[in-house]
Amino acid sequence: MVGRERELRSRRAGGGLALAGGVVCVCLTAAGCSGYGEAASAQGAGGGDPVDVLHRAADRLVAAGSARTRTAMQMASGGTRVTIRGEGVYDFEQRLGQLKVRLPQDPAGSSGHRPITELLAPGALFMKNRGAGVPDDKWVRVETDSLSDGNLVTGGATDPFAAAEVLRGTRTATFVERTELAGTPVRHYRGTADLARAARGASEGNRKALAAAAEGFATARVPFDAYLDDEGRVRKVRHRFSFANGQGDGTGIVDVASTTLLYDFGTAVRVRLPEERDIYAGKIAAGPHGKN
């Protein structure tokens, strides 16, 4: 496959996932996280006002250049709970990433699904090994601004930069504590973001997608927990979304907790986007919960 290749070698090295429509889809809890912006600023352990710090977190990632990432998306609906996990790399300057996403085992304990390779790009999500009937050498392309969740949950993993840009919509936040993640000192913040506000402040590549999510989710309010290092970079962020699946039988709300971990800042990233001839244009079969 011939494609466009982007490579990033950052000058700054740091220390150190309800499926719908054939793809993964879904959770934003209506319960908000309490926060007291001005009062919390005095508790920020030197980090400054929590709301301001969180508004700048995505910019700090761009300055860092790139990172490795691990993702986990836990979905709960009607008493059923599944977790989808992913791992890969992301280039925050070019807004390009690559993830290998693993679907959960079926109730019998058999996996039966090959990992899905996902390429993340501004306005688009490319998936390989996604769907019965799709040739092994073809990619499925999804326009992210056409998705009612803005691709915050569709791929089974939240785009790492989109996850950070949700924090641009922070309305209330409080500093929780100083702690450590994998040996790295971090500040833990808890708060609530507004997707419509995040969309207005987002980069061009995420603006329409976040605006679509603000309209498509059960509520535009996103409770979160964010862990930032001493350079203001996101090391871990956990968002809680809720998605109405339209069943109308009392099991129609899918709750999703999406967690993104970032580490090894400055790592080399090579993302090869598929050419048009490599993209599948046929119908994609889907089984229960979008599995194939």
Protein backbone atom coordinates (compact mmCIF):
# COMPACT_ATOMS: atom_id res chain seq x y z
CA MET A 1 0.00 0.00 0.00
CA VAL A 2 1.34 3.35 -1.04
CA GLY A 3 0.48 6.13 1.36
CA ARG A 4 1.48 9.44 2.72
CA GLU A 5 4.03 9.08 5.46
CA ARG A 6 4.54 11.49 8.27
CA GLU A 7 7.42 11.22 10.70
CA LEU A 8 8.01 13.21 13.81
CA ARG A 9 11.21 13.27 15.80
CA SER A 10 10.55 15.70 18.59
CA ARG A 11 13.34 17.92 19.88
CA ARG A 12 11.87 17.66 23.34
CA ALA A 13 11.89 14.25 24.97
CA GLY A 14 9.98 13.80 28.18
CA GLY A 15 9.82 11.16 30.81
CA GLY A 16 8.25 9.16 31.42
CA LEU A 17 -11.35 2.66 24.42
CA ALA A 18 -21.40 0.29 22.98
CA LEU A 19 -20.83 -0.32 19.64
CA ALA A 20 -23.26 1.09 17.07
CA GLY A 21 -23.57 1.36 13.30
CA GLY A 22 -20.97 -1.39 12.82
CA VAL A 23 -18.34 0.50 14.73
CA VAL A 24 -17.86 1.13 18.40
CA CYS A 25 -20.29 3.81 19.78
CA VAL A 26 -21.47 5.27 23.17
CA CYS A 27 -21.39 7.61 27.73
CA LEU A 28 -21.60 10.86 29.37
CA THR A 29 -23.11 10.78 32.82
CA ALA A 30 -25.49 13.53 33.66
CA ALA A 31 -24.05 13.66 37.15
CA GLY A 32 -21.60 16.52 37.22
CA CYS A 33 -18.39 16.74 39.21
CA SER A 34 -18.42 19.56 41.71
CA GLY A 35 -15.70 22.14 41.38
CA TYR A 36 -14.92 25.56 42.70
CA GLY A 37 -12.67 27.35 40.23
CA GLU A 38 -11.44 30.35 42.20
CA ALA A 39 -11.36 28.61 45.56
CA ALA A 40 -9.48 25.66 44.08
CA SER A 41 -6.74 27.85 42.66
CA ALA A 42 -5.29 28.21 46.13
CA GLN A 43 -5.08 24.42 46.36
CA GLY A 44 -3.29 23.95 43.03
CA ALA A 45 0.05 23.03 44.61
CA GLY A 46 1.84 25.56 42.45
CA GLY A 47 0.01 24.64 39.25
CA GLY A 48 -2.13 27.77 39.08
CA ASP A 49 -5.88 28.04 38.70
CA PRO A 50 -7.18 24.55 37.77
CA VAL A 51 -9.54 25.80 35.04
CA ASP A 52 -6.79 27.81 33.36
CA VAL A 53 -4.30 24.96 33.63
CA LEU A 54 -6.73 22.51 32.02
CA HIS A 55 -7.60 24.92 29.22
CA ARG A 56 -3.91 24.93 28.25
CA ALA A 57 -3.28 21.18 28.54
CA ALA A 58 -3.81 20.41 24.83
CA ASP A 59 -1.33 23.13 23.84
CA ARG A 60 1.27 21.58 26.14
CA LEU A 61 0.90 18.30 24.23
CA VAL A 62 1.50 20.05 20.91
CA ALA A 63 4.66 21.53 22.37
CA ALA A 64 5.74 18.03 23.50
CA GLY A 65 5.41 16.80 19.91
CA SER A 66 4.43 13.16 20.32
CA ALA A 67 3.86 10.33 22.78
CA ARG A 68 3.02 6.70 23.19
CA THR A 69 -0.52 6.01 24.36
CA ARG A 70 -2.64 3.32 25.99
CA THR A 71 -6.43 3.54 25.97
CA ALA A 72 -9.30 1.77 27.74
CA MET A 73 -13.00 2.24 27.02
CA GLN A 74 -15.46 0.65 29.42
CA MET A 75 -19.10 0.53 28.32
CA ALA A 76 -22.11 -0.40 30.44
CA SER A 77 -25.70 -0.88 29.25
CA GLY A 78 -28.57 -3.01 30.58
CA GLY A 79 -26.37 -4.81 33.07
CA THR A 80 -23.68 -5.66 30.49
CA ARG A 81 -20.20 -4.24 30.84
CA VAL A 82 -17.34 -4.58 28.31
CA THR A 83 -13.88 -3.05 28.03
CA ILE A 84 -12.01 -2.29 24.81
CA ARG A 85 -8.27 -1.63 25.02
CA GLY A 86 -5.83 -0.01 22.66
CA GLU A 87 -2.18 0.89 22.39
CA GLY A 88 -0.15 2.99 19.95
CA VAL A 89 1.51 6.31 19.20
CA TYR A 90 0.34 9.85 18.44
CA ASP A 91 1.85 12.93 16.74
CA PHE A 92 0.28 16.02 18.32
CA GLU A 93 1.81 18.42 15.79
CA GLN A 94 0.46 16.64 12.70
CA ARG A 95 -2.68 15.31 14.51
CA LEU A 96 -1.87 11.78 13.31
CA GLY A 97 -1.95 8.56 15.32
CA GLN A 98 -1.96 4.80 15.08
CA LEU A 99 -3.63 2.41 17.52
CA LYS A 100 -4.11 -1.34 17.77
CA VAL A 101 -7.52 -1.87 19.37
CA ARG A 102 -8.52 -5.19 20.93
CA LEU A 103 -12.20 -6.11 21.26
CA PRO A 104 -13.36 -7.87 24.42
CA GLN A 105 -13.87 -11.61 24.68
CA ASP A 106 -17.32 -13.05 24.08
CA PRO A 107 -19.31 -14.52 27.03
CA ALA A 108 -17.76 -17.95 26.35
CA GLY A 109 -14.32 -16.50 26.96
CA SER A 110 -13.17 -16.71 23.35
CA SER A 111 -11.68 -13.65 21.74
CA GLY A 112 -12.39 -14.65 18.10
CA HIS A 113 -11.58 -11.13 16.85
CA ARG A 114 -8.38 -9.90 15.32
CA PRO A 115 -7.11 -6.60 16.67
CA ILE A 116 -8.35 -3.59 14.72
CA THR A 117 -5.66 -1.28 13.38
CA GLU A 118 -6.82 2.34 13.52
CA LEU A 119 -5.26 5.41 11.93
CA LEU A 120 -6.34 8.74 13.41
CA ALA A 121 -6.21 11.85 11.22
CA PRO A 122 -7.90 15.27 11.20
CA GLY A 123 -11.53 14.63 10.24
CA ALA A 124 -11.09 10.92 9.55
CA LEU A 125 -10.75 7.50 11.15
CA PHE A 126 -9.31 4.59 9.14
CA MET A 127 -9.79 0.99 10.32
CA LYS A 128 -8.35 -2.33 9.12
CA ASN A 129 -9.75 -5.74 10.14
CA ARG A 130 -13.03 -3.93 10.67
CA GLY A 131 -16.05 -5.83 9.41
CA ALA A 132 -17.04 -9.13 7.83
CA GLY A 133 -16.69 -9.00 4.06
CA VAL A 134 -13.99 -6.33 4.05
CA PRO A 135 -10.90 -7.63 2.21
CA ASP A 136 -7.84 -8.04 4.41
CA ASP A 137 -5.88 -5.45 2.44
CA LYS A 138 -8.60 -2.75 2.56
CA TRP A 139 -9.32 0.04 5.01
CA VAL A 140 -12.68 1.37 6.20
CA ARG A 141 -12.82 5.17 6.36
CA VAL A 142 -15.20 7.10 8.62
CA GLU A 143 -15.64 10.90 8.47
CA THR A 144 -15.52 11.84 12.13
CA ASP A 145 -17.59 15.02 11.89
CA SER A 146 -20.48 12.88 10.53
CA LEU A 147 -20.60 10.83 13.74
CA SER A 148 -23.08 11.79 16.47
CA ASP A 149 -20.37 11.19 19.08
CA GLY A 150 -17.66 13.05 17.17
CA ASN A 151 -15.48 9.91 17.30
CA LEU A 152 -14.99 10.26 21.03
CA VAL A 153 -16.25 6.65 21.36
CA THR A 154 -16.90 5.27 17.85
CA GLY A 155 -13.48 3.72 17.35
CA GLY A 156 -13.41 2.11 20.76
CA ALA A 157 -10.75 4.62 21.76
CA THR A 158 -10.84 8.39 22.13
CA ASP A 159 -8.41 10.21 19.87
CA PRO A 160 -5.71 11.34 22.33
CA PHE A 161 -5.66 14.93 21.10
CA ALA A 162 -9.48 15.12 21.10
CA ALA A 163 -9.40 13.82 24.67
CA ALA A 164 -7.12 16.70 25.61
CA GLU A 165 -9.17 19.25 23.65
CA VAL A 166 -12.31 18.31 25.61
CA LEU A 167 -10.50 19.93 28.54
CA ARG A 168 -10.63 23.27 26.66
CA GLY A 169 -14.31 23.23 27.61
CA THR A 170 -13.61 22.97 31.35
CA ARG A 171 -16.16 25.04 33.28
CA THR A 172 -15.45 23.93 36.84
CA ALA A 173 -12.46 22.10 38.25
CA THR A 174 -10.79 21.42 41.56
CA PHE A 175 -7.28 20.34 42.47
CA VAL A 176 -7.45 16.97 44.24
CA GLU A 177 -3.90 16.03 45.20
CA ARG A 178 -0.30 15.58 44.22
CA THR A 179 0.39 11.95 43.34
CA GLU A 180 2.46 9.76 40.98
CA LEU A 181 1.79 7.85 37.76
CA ALA A 182 4.44 5.27 36.81
CA GLY A 183 6.94 7.18 38.90
CA THR A 184 6.11 10.60 37.40
CA PRO A 185 4.86 13.32 39.77
CA VAL A 186 1.44 14.57 38.64
CA ARG A 187 -1.37 16.88 39.76
CA HIS A 188 -4.82 15.28 39.89
CA TYR A 189 -7.71 17.54 38.85
CA ARG A 190 -11.43 16.72 38.83
CA GLY A 191 -14.03 18.74 36.99
CA THR A 192 -16.70 19.07 34.33
CA ALA A 193 -16.22 20.17 30.74
CA ASP A 194 -18.80 21.43 28.25
CA LEU A 195 -18.47 19.94 24.74
CA ALA A 196 -19.95 22.96 22.97
CA ARG A 197 -17.47 25.23 24.68
CA ALA A 198 -14.65 22.78 23.91
CA ALA A 199 -15.64 22.81 20.23
CA ARG A 200 -15.39 26.59 20.05
CA GLY A 201 -11.84 26.53 21.38
CA ALA A 202 -10.66 23.38 19.59
CA SER A 203 -8.25 23.03 16.70
CA GLU A 204 -9.72 23.04 13.19
CA GLY A 205 -9.43 19.24 12.93
CA ASN A 206 -11.55 18.62 16.04
CA ARG A 207 -13.95 21.58 15.99
CA LYS A 208 -16.76 19.98 13.94
CA ALA A 209 -16.39 16.59 15.62
CA LEU A 210 -16.70 18.03 19.14
CA ALA A 211 -19.65 20.16 18.04
CA ALA A 212 -21.34 16.99 16.71
CA ALA A 213 -20.72 15.27 20.05
CA ALA A 214 -22.23 18.22 21.90
CA GLU A 215 -25.44 17.65 19.91
CA GLY A 216 -25.36 13.85 19.81
CA PHE A 217 -24.65 12.85 23.41
CA ALA A 218 -27.32 12.64 26.08
CA THR A 219 -25.74 15.74 27.64
CA ALA A 220 -22.92 18.04 26.60
CA ARG A 221 -21.48 17.99 30.14
CA VAL A 222 -18.46 15.71 30.56
CA PRO A 223 -17.22 14.83 34.04
CA PHE A 224 -13.50 14.05 34.04
CA ASP A 225 -10.41 13.28 36.07
CA ALA A 226 -7.15 14.59 34.60
CA TYR A 227 -3.57 14.02 35.73
CA LEU A 228 -1.00 16.57 34.50
CA ASP A 229 2.76 16.51 34.98
CA ASP A 230 4.86 19.48 36.07
CA GLU A 231 5.06 20.71 32.45
CA GLY A 232 1.26 20.80 32.20
CA ARG A 233 1.09 17.79 29.87
CA VAL A 234 -1.74 15.27 30.18
CA ARG A 235 -0.41 11.99 31.54
CA LYS A 236 -3.85 10.45 32.13
CA VAL A 237 -7.40 11.64 31.50
CA ARG A 238 -10.65 9.80 32.19
CA HIS A 239 -13.90 11.10 30.67
CA ARG A 240 -17.41 9.84 31.42
CA PHE A 241 -19.89 10.04 28.52
CA SER A 242 -23.52 8.89 28.14
CA PHE A 243 -25.12 7.91 24.86
CA ALA A 244 -28.82 7.26 24.14
CA ASN A 245 -29.07 4.22 21.86
CA GLY A 246 -32.77 4.76 21.13
CA GLN A 247 -34.11 1.44 22.43
CA GLY A 248 -36.67 3.14 24.67
CA ASP A 249 -36.96 0.11 26.96
CA GLY A 250 -35.10 1.34 29.97
CA THR A 251 -31.78 0.04 28.65
CA GLY A 252 -31.35 2.83 26.14
CA ILE A 253 -28.56 4.73 27.87
CA VAL A 254 -25.01 3.49 27.42
CA ASP A 255 -22.49 4.74 29.95
CA VAL A 256 -18.89 5.01 28.83
CA ALA A 257 -15.72 5.68 30.75
CA SER A 258 -12.85 6.46 28.39
CA THR A 259 -9.30 6.54 29.75
CA THR A 260 -6.23 7.77 27.86
CA LEU A 261 -2.66 7.37 29.15
CA LEU A 262 0.28 9.24 27.59
CA TYR A 263 3.98 8.51 28.13
CA ASP A 264 7.38 8.47 26.34
CA PHE A 265 6.98 12.02 25.04
CA GLY A 266 9.11 12.76 21.98
CA THR A 267 8.91 9.22 20.59
CA ALA A 268 9.25 8.83 16.79
CA VAL A 269 5.86 8.48 15.06
CA ARG A 270 5.32 7.16 11.52
CA VAL A 271 1.75 7.12 10.24
CA ARG A 272 1.00 5.99 6.69
CA LEU A 273 -2.45 7.08 5.49
CA PRO A 274 -4.10 4.83 2.86
CA GLU A 275 -4.67 5.95 -0.72
CA GLU A 276 -8.22 5.97 -2.13
CA ARG A 277 -7.65 2.66 -3.93
CA ASP A 278 -6.91 1.04 -0.57
CA ILE A 279 -10.23 2.13 1.01
CA TYR A 280 -13.20 -0.27 0.99
CA ALA A 281 -16.38 1.24 -0.46
CA GLY A 282 -18.79 -1.67 0.09
CA LYS A 283 -21.26 -2.52 2.85
CA ILE A 284 -19.90 -3.55 6.26
CA ALA A 285 -21.64 -6.39 8.08
CA ALA A 286 -22.14 -6.03 11.83
CA GLY A 287 -23.25 -8.44 14.51
CA PRO A 288 -24.55 -7.73 18.01
CA HIS A 289 -22.81 -4.77 19.63
CA GLY A 290 -21.01 -4.08 16.38
CA LYS A 291 -18.88 -7.22 16.52
CA ASN A 292 -18.16 -9.18 13.37
